[in-house]
């Protein structure tokens, strides 16, 4: 279902969600980190560093740095692919799933307050 928004409304929603996130006690993620995290949680697995780099059109070191941060937060975990030892599999975690769900709830809450 499409929700028609003017550009100014879409930008205001983005601003309100961003403000909500920085005011919250949850960790701040960069836009790139959020894009990677949402890709991991919304697109079906398996996810690899190589695959994420291709999807986001960035280098593998960019993905690795973002995963280092998100791994420290326990939002994702990395494991060597036993079938192809060259690949690193990126897996979801409970903490990451809760963060993504909370982010979705924040978007909904802000969207409901958006003036039409």
C-alpha atoms as a PDB file:
ATOM      1  CA  UNK A   1       0.000   0.000   0.000  1.00  0.00           C
ATOM      2  CA  UNK A   2       1.492   3.323  -1.046  1.00  0.00           C
ATOM      3  CA  UNK A   3       1.233   6.318   1.245  1.00  0.00           C
ATOM      4  CA  UNK A   4       1.233   9.515  -0.786  1.00  0.00           C
ATOM      5  CA  UNK A   5       3.598  12.087   0.675  1.00  0.00           C
ATOM      6  CA  UNK A   6       4.834  15.354  -0.691  1.00  0.00           C
ATOM      7  CA  UNK A   7       8.607  15.773  -0.690  1.00  0.00           C
ATOM      8  CA  UNK A   8       8.379  18.192   2.228  1.00  0.00           C
ATOM      9  CA  UNK A   9       6.352  15.650   4.244  1.00  0.00           C
ATOM     10  CA  UNK A  10       8.801  12.844   3.485  1.00  0.00           C
ATOM     11  CA  UNK A  11      11.711  15.030   4.559  1.00  0.00           C
ATOM     12  CA  UNK A  12       9.889  16.096   7.723  1.00  0.00           C
ATOM     13  CA  UNK A  13       9.236  12.420   8.562  1.00  0.00           C
ATOM     14  CA  UNK A  14      12.899  11.617   8.022  1.00  0.00           C
ATOM     15  CA  UNK A  15      13.869  14.576  10.226  1.00  0.00           C
ATOM     16  CA  UNK A  16      11.470  13.538  12.998  1.00  0.00           C
ATOM     17  CA  UNK A  17      12.723   9.954  12.967  1.00  0.00           C
ATOM     18  CA  UNK A  18      16.351  11.147  12.996  1.00  0.00           C
ATOM     19  CA  UNK A  19      15.620  13.463  15.926  1.00  0.00           C
ATOM     20  CA  UNK A  20      13.841  10.645  17.744  1.00  0.00           C
ATOM     21  CA  UNK A  21      16.864   8.395  17.216  1.00  0.00           C
ATOM     22  CA  UNK A  22      19.461  10.876  18.451  1.00  0.00           C
ATOM     23  CA  UNK A  23      17.341  11.704  21.505  1.00  0.00           C
ATOM     24  CA  UNK A  24      16.892   8.028  22.367  1.00  0.00           C
ATOM     25  CA  UNK A  25      19.329   6.113  24.539  1.00  0.00           C
ATOM     26  CA  UNK A  26      19.882   3.533  21.781  1.00  0.00           C
ATOM     27  CA  UNK A  27      23.180   3.724  19.872  1.00  0.00           C
ATOM     28  CA  UNK A  28      23.367   6.156  16.958  1.00  0.00           C
ATOM     29  CA  UNK A  29      24.135   4.454  13.677  1.00  0.00           C
ATOM     30  CA  UNK A  30      25.300   6.209  10.545  1.00  0.00           C
ATOM     31  CA  UNK A  31      23.030   6.203   7.526  1.00  0.00           C
ATOM     32  CA  UNK A  32      25.355   3.664   5.893  1.00  0.00           C
ATOM     33  CA  UNK A  33      25.199   1.413   8.949  1.00  0.00           C
ATOM     34  CA  UNK A  34      21.393   1.625   8.997  1.00  0.00           C
ATOM     35  CA  UNK A  35      21.270   0.730   5.289  1.00  0.00           C
ATOM     36  CA  UNK A  36      23.485  -2.298   5.903  1.00  0.00           C
ATOM     37  CA  UNK A  37      21.528  -3.370   8.987  1.00  0.00           C
ATOM     38  CA  UNK A  38      18.178  -3.065   7.212  1.00  0.00           C
ATOM     39  CA  UNK A  39      19.527  -5.034   4.259  1.00  0.00           C
ATOM     40  CA  UNK A  40      20.592  -7.815   6.624  1.00  0.00           C
ATOM     41  CA  UNK A  41      17.248  -7.861   8.440  1.00  0.00           C
ATOM     42  CA  UNK A  42      14.815  -7.205   5.580  1.00  0.00           C
ATOM     43  CA  UNK A  43      16.397  -9.178   2.734  1.00  0.00           C
ATOM     44  CA  UNK A  44      16.520 -12.970   2.975  1.00  0.00           C
ATOM     45  CA  UNK A  45      19.830 -14.541   4.063  1.00  0.00           C
ATOM     46  CA  UNK A  46      22.508 -15.616   3.524  1.00  0.00           C
ATOM     47  CA  UNK A  47      24.406 -12.356   3.706  1.00  0.00           C
ATOM     48  CA  UNK A  48      28.111 -12.093   3.008  1.00  0.00           C
ATOM     49  CA  UNK A  49      30.517  -9.182   3.209  1.00  0.00           C
ATOM     50  CA  UNK A  50      31.043  -9.500  -0.552  1.00  0.00           C
ATOM     51  CA  UNK A  51      27.296  -9.582  -1.236  1.00  0.00           C
ATOM     52  CA  UNK A  52      26.561  -6.598   0.987  1.00  0.00           C
ATOM     53  CA  UNK A  53      29.340  -4.618  -0.697  1.00  0.00           C
ATOM     54  CA  UNK A  54      27.833  -5.399  -4.101  1.00  0.00           C
ATOM     55  CA  UNK A  55      24.300  -4.514  -2.985  1.00  0.00           C
ATOM     56  CA  UNK A  56      25.340  -1.187  -1.486  1.00  0.00           C
ATOM     57  CA  UNK A  57      27.912  -0.500  -4.229  1.00  0.00           C
ATOM     58  CA  UNK A  58      30.712   0.097  -1.735  1.00  0.00           C
ATOM     59  CA  UNK A  59      33.981  -1.675  -1.031  1.00  0.00           C
ATOM     60  CA  UNK A  60      34.372  -4.662   1.276  1.00  0.00           C
ATOM     61  CA  UNK A  61      36.427  -2.607   3.783  1.00  0.00           C
ATOM     62  CA  UNK A  62      33.470  -0.185   4.095  1.00  0.00           C
ATOM     63  CA  UNK A  63      31.196  -3.103   4.988  1.00  0.00           C
ATOM     64  CA  UNK A  64      33.798  -4.559   7.351  1.00  0.00           C
ATOM     65  CA  UNK A  65      34.134  -1.280   9.277  1.00  0.00           C
ATOM     66  CA  UNK A  66      30.344  -0.978   9.611  1.00  0.00           C
ATOM     67  CA  UNK A  67      30.070  -4.613  10.717  1.00  0.00           C
ATOM     68  CA  UNK A  68      32.831  -4.028  13.297  1.00  0.00           C
ATOM     69  CA  UNK A  69      30.674  -1.323  14.891  1.00  0.00           C
ATOM     70  CA  UNK A  70      27.450  -3.303  14.646  1.00  0.00           C
ATOM     71  CA  UNK A  71      29.196  -6.430  15.931  1.00  0.00           C
ATOM     72  CA  UNK A  72      30.421  -4.526  18.998  1.00  0.00           C
ATOM     73  CA  UNK A  73      26.791  -3.532  19.580  1.00  0.00           C
ATOM     74  CA  UNK A  74      25.789  -7.196  19.111  1.00  0.00           C
ATOM     75  CA  UNK A  75      23.439  -6.268  16.238  1.00  0.00           C
ATOM     76  CA  UNK A  76      25.110  -8.782  13.891  1.00  0.00           C
ATOM     77  CA  UNK A  77      27.599 -11.615  14.114  1.00  0.00           C
ATOM     78  CA  UNK A  78      30.125 -12.860  11.570  1.00  0.00           C
ATOM     79  CA  UNK A  79      31.175 -16.415  10.891  1.00  0.00           C
ATOM     80  CA  UNK A  80      33.426 -18.035   8.305  1.00  0.00           C
ATOM     81  CA  UNK A  81      31.391 -19.959   5.691  1.00  0.00           C
ATOM     82  CA  UNK A  82      32.302 -23.607   6.244  1.00  0.00           C
ATOM     83  CA  UNK A  83      31.459 -24.470   2.615  1.00  0.00           C
ATOM     84  CA  UNK A  84      33.573 -21.675   1.145  1.00  0.00           C
ATOM     85  CA  UNK A  85      36.169 -20.455   3.618  1.00  0.00           C
ATOM     86  CA  UNK A  86      36.726 -17.297   1.531  1.00  0.00           C
ATOM     87  CA  UNK A  87      33.261 -16.003   2.475  1.00  0.00           C
ATOM     88  CA  UNK A  88      32.249 -14.379   5.740  1.00  0.00           C
ATOM     89  CA  UNK A  89      28.595 -14.901   6.611  1.00  0.00           C
ATOM     90  CA  UNK A  90      26.786 -12.114   8.417  1.00  0.00           C
ATOM     91  CA  UNK A  91      24.041 -13.290  10.735  1.00  0.00           C
ATOM     92  CA  UNK A  92      21.197 -11.616  12.547  1.00  0.00           C
ATOM     93  CA  UNK A  93      21.083 -11.463  16.336  1.00  0.00           C
ATOM     94  CA  UNK A  94      18.305 -10.966  18.860  1.00  0.00           C
ATOM     95  CA  UNK A  95      19.722  -7.554  19.843  1.00  0.00           C
ATOM     96  CA  UNK A  96      19.800  -6.491  16.193  1.00  0.00           C
ATOM     97  CA  UNK A  97      16.254  -7.700  15.584  1.00  0.00           C
ATOM     98  CA  UNK A  98      15.047  -5.722  18.602  1.00  0.00           C
ATOM     99  CA  UNK A  99      16.867  -2.601  17.369  1.00  0.00           C
ATOM    100  CA  UNK A 100      15.315  -2.901  13.899  1.00  0.00           C
ATOM    101  CA  UNK A 101      11.851  -3.500  15.363  1.00  0.00           C
ATOM    102  CA  UNK A 102      12.217  -0.464  17.639  1.00  0.00           C
ATOM    103  CA  UNK A 103      13.320   1.631  14.657  1.00  0.00           C
ATOM    104  CA  UNK A 104      10.253   0.507  12.715  1.00  0.00           C
ATOM    105  CA  UNK A 105       8.033   1.418  15.659  1.00  0.00           C
ATOM    106  CA  UNK A 106       9.667   4.865  15.845  1.00  0.00           C
ATOM    107  CA  UNK A 107       8.989   5.451  12.146  1.00  0.00           C
ATOM    108  CA  UNK A 108       5.339   4.471  12.584  1.00  0.00           C
ATOM    109  CA  UNK A 109       4.944   6.704  15.642  1.00  0.00           C
ATOM    110  CA  UNK A 110       6.415   9.704  13.834  1.00  0.00           C
ATOM    111  CA  UNK A 111       4.384   9.029  10.692  1.00  0.00           C
ATOM    112  CA  UNK A 112       1.164   9.030  12.715  1.00  0.00           C
ATOM    113  CA  UNK A 113       2.048  12.499  14.008  1.00  0.00           C
ATOM    114  CA  UNK A 114       2.885  13.850  10.549  1.00  0.00           C
ATOM    115  CA  UNK A 115       0.496  16.653   9.531  1.00  0.00           C
ATOM    116  CA  UNK A 116      -1.272  15.901   6.258  1.00  0.00           C
END
